[in-house]
């Protein structure tokens, strides 16, 4: 379990607006105890955090979920809408060119 506790600290270090960190730690430990969080689930949790950090909703730091809520609701499983900045944009097959606007 010590490695899983260290991984919680890594999660918090990369959290965009870490609030309720102590409550989040209690949530993390309780989810370890029931088997929701394990070494096997860590890649999905960190990938989920990466998606949320690139989301439209989390562009505004005031809209970032608290750590315990994100954990409790297993939001790492969600696929939030990416922000426009996070999306790679290929205009080659589009009528839109960012330098010229819409093409006829």
Protein backbone atom coordinates (compact mmCIF):
# COMPACT_ATOMS: atom_id res chain seq x y z
CA UNK A 1 0.00 0.00 0.00
CA UNK A 2 2.84 2.53 0.52
CA UNK A 3 3.40 2.66 -3.25
CA UNK A 4 -0.29 3.44 -3.75
CA UNK A 5 -0.04 6.25 -1.20
CA UNK A 6 2.94 7.66 -3.11
CA UNK A 7 0.88 7.51 -6.28
CA UNK A 8 -1.82 9.63 -4.60
CA UNK A 9 0.82 12.28 -3.93
CA UNK A 10 1.85 12.12 -7.59
CA UNK A 11 -1.78 12.60 -8.59
CA UNK A 12 -2.06 15.68 -6.37
CA UNK A 13 1.19 17.14 -7.70
CA UNK A 14 -0.31 17.24 -11.19
CA UNK A 15 -3.85 18.29 -10.14
CA UNK A 16 -4.74 21.68 -11.68
CA UNK A 17 -6.38 23.12 -8.55
CA UNK A 18 -5.95 20.71 -5.64
CA UNK A 19 -8.67 21.30 -3.08
CA UNK A 20 -9.83 18.99 -0.26
CA UNK A 21 -6.54 17.09 -0.50
CA UNK A 22 -6.79 15.50 2.97
CA UNK A 23 -10.35 14.35 2.31
CA UNK A 24 -9.12 13.06 -1.04
CA UNK A 25 -6.47 11.00 0.73
CA UNK A 26 -9.14 9.42 2.93
CA UNK A 27 -11.22 8.68 -0.18
CA UNK A 28 -8.17 7.21 -1.94
CA UNK A 29 -7.41 4.90 1.00
CA UNK A 30 -11.03 3.77 1.29
CA UNK A 31 -11.04 2.97 -2.43
CA UNK A 32 -7.83 0.95 -1.99
CA UNK A 33 -9.48 -0.95 0.87
CA UNK A 34 -12.42 -2.01 -1.32
CA UNK A 35 -10.24 -2.79 -4.34
CA UNK A 36 -11.32 0.06 -6.62
CA UNK A 37 -7.83 1.57 -6.61
CA UNK A 38 -4.96 -0.84 -7.21
CA UNK A 39 -1.75 -1.02 -9.18
CA UNK A 40 -3.84 -2.27 -12.10
CA UNK A 41 -6.19 0.74 -12.03
CA UNK A 42 -3.46 3.42 -11.83
CA UNK A 43 -2.87 3.76 -15.60
CA UNK A 44 -6.59 4.41 -16.16
CA UNK A 45 -6.71 6.92 -13.29
CA UNK A 46 -3.74 8.91 -14.57
CA UNK A 47 -5.01 8.75 -18.16
CA UNK A 48 -8.38 10.02 -16.93
CA UNK A 49 -6.72 12.89 -15.11
CA UNK A 50 -4.85 13.80 -18.30
CA UNK A 51 -8.15 13.87 -20.25
CA UNK A 52 -9.77 16.08 -17.63
CA UNK A 53 -6.79 18.44 -17.57
CA UNK A 54 -7.24 18.89 -21.33
CA UNK A 55 -11.00 19.33 -21.07
CA UNK A 56 -13.05 22.39 -21.91
CA UNK A 57 -14.59 22.33 -18.42
CA UNK A 58 -11.26 22.40 -16.59
CA UNK A 59 -9.88 25.31 -18.62
CA UNK A 60 -11.48 27.42 -15.89
CA UNK A 61 -9.67 26.44 -12.65
CA UNK A 62 -12.84 27.24 -10.73
CA UNK A 63 -14.60 24.37 -12.53
CA UNK A 64 -12.05 21.71 -11.52
CA UNK A 65 -13.65 18.97 -9.40
CA UNK A 66 -12.47 18.52 -5.85
CA UNK A 67 -10.16 15.57 -5.46
CA UNK A 68 -12.56 13.49 -3.31
CA UNK A 69 -15.49 14.08 -5.65
CA UNK A 70 -13.44 13.12 -8.71
CA UNK A 71 -12.38 9.93 -6.96
CA UNK A 72 -15.74 9.08 -5.37
CA UNK A 73 -17.59 9.46 -8.68
CA UNK A 74 -14.83 7.62 -10.59
CA UNK A 75 -14.61 10.50 -13.03
CA UNK A 76 -11.39 9.10 -14.46
CA UNK A 77 -13.69 6.80 -16.43
CA UNK A 78 -15.38 9.76 -18.16
CA UNK A 79 -14.34 11.30 -21.44
CA UNK A 80 -14.98 15.02 -21.07
CA UNK A 81 -15.08 17.28 -24.09
CA UNK A 82 -11.50 18.35 -24.89
CA UNK A 83 -10.75 22.03 -25.06
CA UNK A 84 -10.24 23.46 -28.50
CA UNK A 85 -6.62 24.13 -27.59
CA UNK A 86 -6.07 20.44 -26.70
CA UNK A 87 -7.46 19.15 -29.97
CA UNK A 88 -5.11 18.83 -32.90
CA UNK A 89 -6.71 20.46 -35.87
CA UNK A 90 -6.19 19.30 -39.42
CA UNK A 91 -7.87 21.62 -41.89
CA UNK A 92 -6.67 19.81 -45.01
CA UNK A 93 -10.07 18.24 -45.76
CA UNK A 94 -12.08 21.19 -44.60
CA UNK A 95 -13.49 24.26 -46.24
CA UNK A 96 -12.03 26.24 -43.32
CA UNK A 97 -8.51 27.59 -43.39
CA UNK A 98 -7.49 29.47 -40.24
CA UNK A 99 -5.51 32.02 -42.24
CA UNK A 100 -8.23 32.61 -44.87
CA UNK A 101 -11.51 31.66 -43.26
CA UNK A 102 -14.03 29.53 -45.13
CA UNK A 103 -13.25 28.46 -48.70
CA UNK A 104 -15.89 28.28 -51.35
